[in-house]
């Protein structure tokens, strides 16, 4: 199982803060997981659309989309953060 946490506007747009999903076969990277979530269609396809600026954390560490994910990982998806 993979625990997915959604933050900020993604949480608001998707209507949930987190979910736990079985790691589907064929999902090897964070990018694969995002594609899988987009395939749900509707708000998922729109909110997480290809080219959307977002950041991904695996087990609380910011990673590139190509990073390998494994069963038991915690994935955070959030918009880029700016400070000032």
C-alpha atoms as a PDB file:
ATOM      1  CA  UNK A   1       0.000   0.000   0.000  1.00  0.00           C
ATOM      2  CA  UNK A   2       1.093   3.561  -0.710  1.00  0.00           C
ATOM      3  CA  UNK A   3      -0.086   6.496   1.386  1.00  0.00           C
ATOM      4  CA  UNK A   4      -0.641   9.622  -0.728  1.00  0.00           C
ATOM      5  CA  UNK A   5      -0.936  13.033   0.929  1.00  0.00           C
ATOM      6  CA  UNK A   6      -2.345  16.028  -0.955  1.00  0.00           C
ATOM      7  CA  UNK A   7      -1.489  19.547   0.152  1.00  0.00           C
ATOM      8  CA  UNK A   8      -2.740  23.117  -0.361  1.00  0.00           C
ATOM      9  CA  UNK A   9      -4.765  23.686  -3.531  1.00  0.00           C
ATOM     10  CA  UNK A  10      -4.442  20.042  -4.587  1.00  0.00           C
ATOM     11  CA  UNK A  11      -6.203  18.983  -1.383  1.00  0.00           C
ATOM     12  CA  UNK A  12      -8.920  21.571  -2.008  1.00  0.00           C
ATOM     13  CA  UNK A  13      -9.422  20.712  -5.678  1.00  0.00           C
ATOM     14  CA  UNK A  14      -9.438  16.939  -5.142  1.00  0.00           C
ATOM     15  CA  UNK A  15     -11.570  17.128  -2.003  1.00  0.00           C
ATOM     16  CA  UNK A  16      -9.352  14.907   0.128  1.00  0.00           C
ATOM     17  CA  UNK A  17      -6.209  15.254   2.199  1.00  0.00           C
ATOM     18  CA  UNK A  18      -4.930  11.700   1.876  1.00  0.00           C
ATOM     19  CA  UNK A  19      -5.645   8.217   0.647  1.00  0.00           C
ATOM     20  CA  UNK A  20      -4.070   4.804   0.788  1.00  0.00           C
ATOM     21  CA  UNK A  21      -3.924   2.831  -2.424  1.00  0.00           C
ATOM     22  CA  UNK A  22      -2.592  -0.541  -3.425  1.00  0.00           C
ATOM     23  CA  UNK A  23       0.507  -0.081  -5.533  1.00  0.00           C
ATOM     24  CA  UNK A  24      -0.763  -0.946  -9.015  1.00  0.00           C
ATOM     25  CA  UNK A  25       1.426  -3.165 -11.163  1.00  0.00           C
ATOM     26  CA  UNK A  26       3.441  -1.181 -13.653  1.00  0.00           C
ATOM     27  CA  UNK A  27       3.899   1.735 -11.242  1.00  0.00           C
ATOM     28  CA  UNK A  28       7.641   2.052 -10.696  1.00  0.00           C
ATOM     29  CA  UNK A  29       8.212   5.802 -10.330  1.00  0.00           C
ATOM     30  CA  UNK A  30       6.524   8.869  -8.890  1.00  0.00           C
ATOM     31  CA  UNK A  31       5.816   9.966 -12.477  1.00  0.00           C
ATOM     32  CA  UNK A  32       4.052   6.633 -13.108  1.00  0.00           C
ATOM     33  CA  UNK A  33       1.916   7.217 -10.012  1.00  0.00           C
ATOM     34  CA  UNK A  34       0.935  10.697 -11.209  1.00  0.00           C
ATOM     35  CA  UNK A  35      -0.046   9.260 -14.602  1.00  0.00           C
ATOM     36  CA  UNK A  36      -2.098   6.583 -12.831  1.00  0.00           C
ATOM     37  CA  UNK A  37      -3.916   9.235 -10.776  1.00  0.00           C
ATOM     38  CA  UNK A  38      -4.577  11.346 -13.910  1.00  0.00           C
ATOM     39  CA  UNK A  39      -6.103   8.281 -15.562  1.00  0.00           C
ATOM     40  CA  UNK A  40      -8.937   8.512 -13.024  1.00  0.00           C
ATOM     41  CA  UNK A  41     -10.228  11.318 -15.233  1.00  0.00           C
ATOM     42  CA  UNK A  42     -12.343  14.316 -14.255  1.00  0.00           C
ATOM     43  CA  UNK A  43     -10.937  16.505 -11.507  1.00  0.00           C
ATOM     44  CA  UNK A  44      -7.920  14.180 -11.225  1.00  0.00           C
ATOM     45  CA  UNK A  45      -6.937  14.665 -14.859  1.00  0.00           C
ATOM     46  CA  UNK A  46      -7.422  18.421 -14.581  1.00  0.00           C
ATOM     47  CA  UNK A  47      -5.733  18.985 -11.206  1.00  0.00           C
ATOM     48  CA  UNK A  48      -2.695  16.775 -11.866  1.00  0.00           C
ATOM     49  CA  UNK A  49      -2.552  17.420 -15.614  1.00  0.00           C
ATOM     50  CA  UNK A  50       0.675  16.948 -17.536  1.00  0.00           C
ATOM     51  CA  UNK A  51       2.813  20.056 -17.184  1.00  0.00           C
ATOM     52  CA  UNK A  52       1.163  21.137 -13.915  1.00  0.00           C
ATOM     53  CA  UNK A  53       3.721  22.649 -11.569  1.00  0.00           C
ATOM     54  CA  UNK A  54       3.943  20.418  -8.540  1.00  0.00           C
ATOM     55  CA  UNK A  55       6.410  18.968  -6.117  1.00  0.00           C
ATOM     56  CA  UNK A  56       6.672  15.378  -4.961  1.00  0.00           C
ATOM     57  CA  UNK A  57       8.048  14.048  -1.711  1.00  0.00           C
ATOM     58  CA  UNK A  58       8.727  10.386  -1.031  1.00  0.00           C
ATOM     59  CA  UNK A  59       9.001   9.557   2.641  1.00  0.00           C
ATOM     60  CA  UNK A  60       9.261  13.294   3.414  1.00  0.00           C
ATOM     61  CA  UNK A  61      12.138  13.927   1.000  1.00  0.00           C
ATOM     62  CA  UNK A  62      11.650  16.102  -2.099  1.00  0.00           C
ATOM     63  CA  UNK A  63      12.391  14.010  -5.186  1.00  0.00           C
ATOM     64  CA  UNK A  64      12.361  14.153  -8.957  1.00  0.00           C
ATOM     65  CA  UNK A  65       9.472  12.409 -10.746  1.00  0.00           C
ATOM     66  CA  UNK A  66      11.820   9.654 -11.943  1.00  0.00           C
ATOM     67  CA  UNK A  67      12.498   8.378  -8.424  1.00  0.00           C
ATOM     68  CA  UNK A  68      11.510   4.770  -7.775  1.00  0.00           C
ATOM     69  CA  UNK A  69       8.626   4.236  -5.387  1.00  0.00           C
ATOM     70  CA  UNK A  70       7.882   1.104  -3.417  1.00  0.00           C
ATOM     71  CA  UNK A  71       5.093  -0.481  -1.486  1.00  0.00           C
ATOM     72  CA  UNK A  72       4.917   1.171   1.937  1.00  0.00           C
ATOM     73  CA  UNK A  73       6.106   4.592   0.769  1.00  0.00           C
ATOM     74  CA  UNK A  74       4.434   7.849   1.728  1.00  0.00           C
ATOM     75  CA  UNK A  75       4.020  10.204  -1.228  1.00  0.00           C
ATOM     76  CA  UNK A  76       3.319  13.908  -0.785  1.00  0.00           C
ATOM     77  CA  UNK A  77       2.002  15.972  -3.691  1.00  0.00           C
ATOM     78  CA  UNK A  78       1.965  19.745  -3.335  1.00  0.00           C
ATOM     79  CA  UNK A  79       2.336  22.955  -5.331  1.00  0.00           C
ATOM     80  CA  UNK A  80       5.680  24.757  -5.403  1.00  0.00           C
ATOM     81  CA  UNK A  81       6.172  26.890  -2.305  1.00  0.00           C
ATOM     82  CA  UNK A  82       7.411  30.434  -2.465  1.00  0.00           C
ATOM     83  CA  UNK A  83       8.487  32.649   0.366  1.00  0.00           C
ATOM     84  CA  UNK A  84       9.068  36.288   0.775  1.00  0.00           C
END
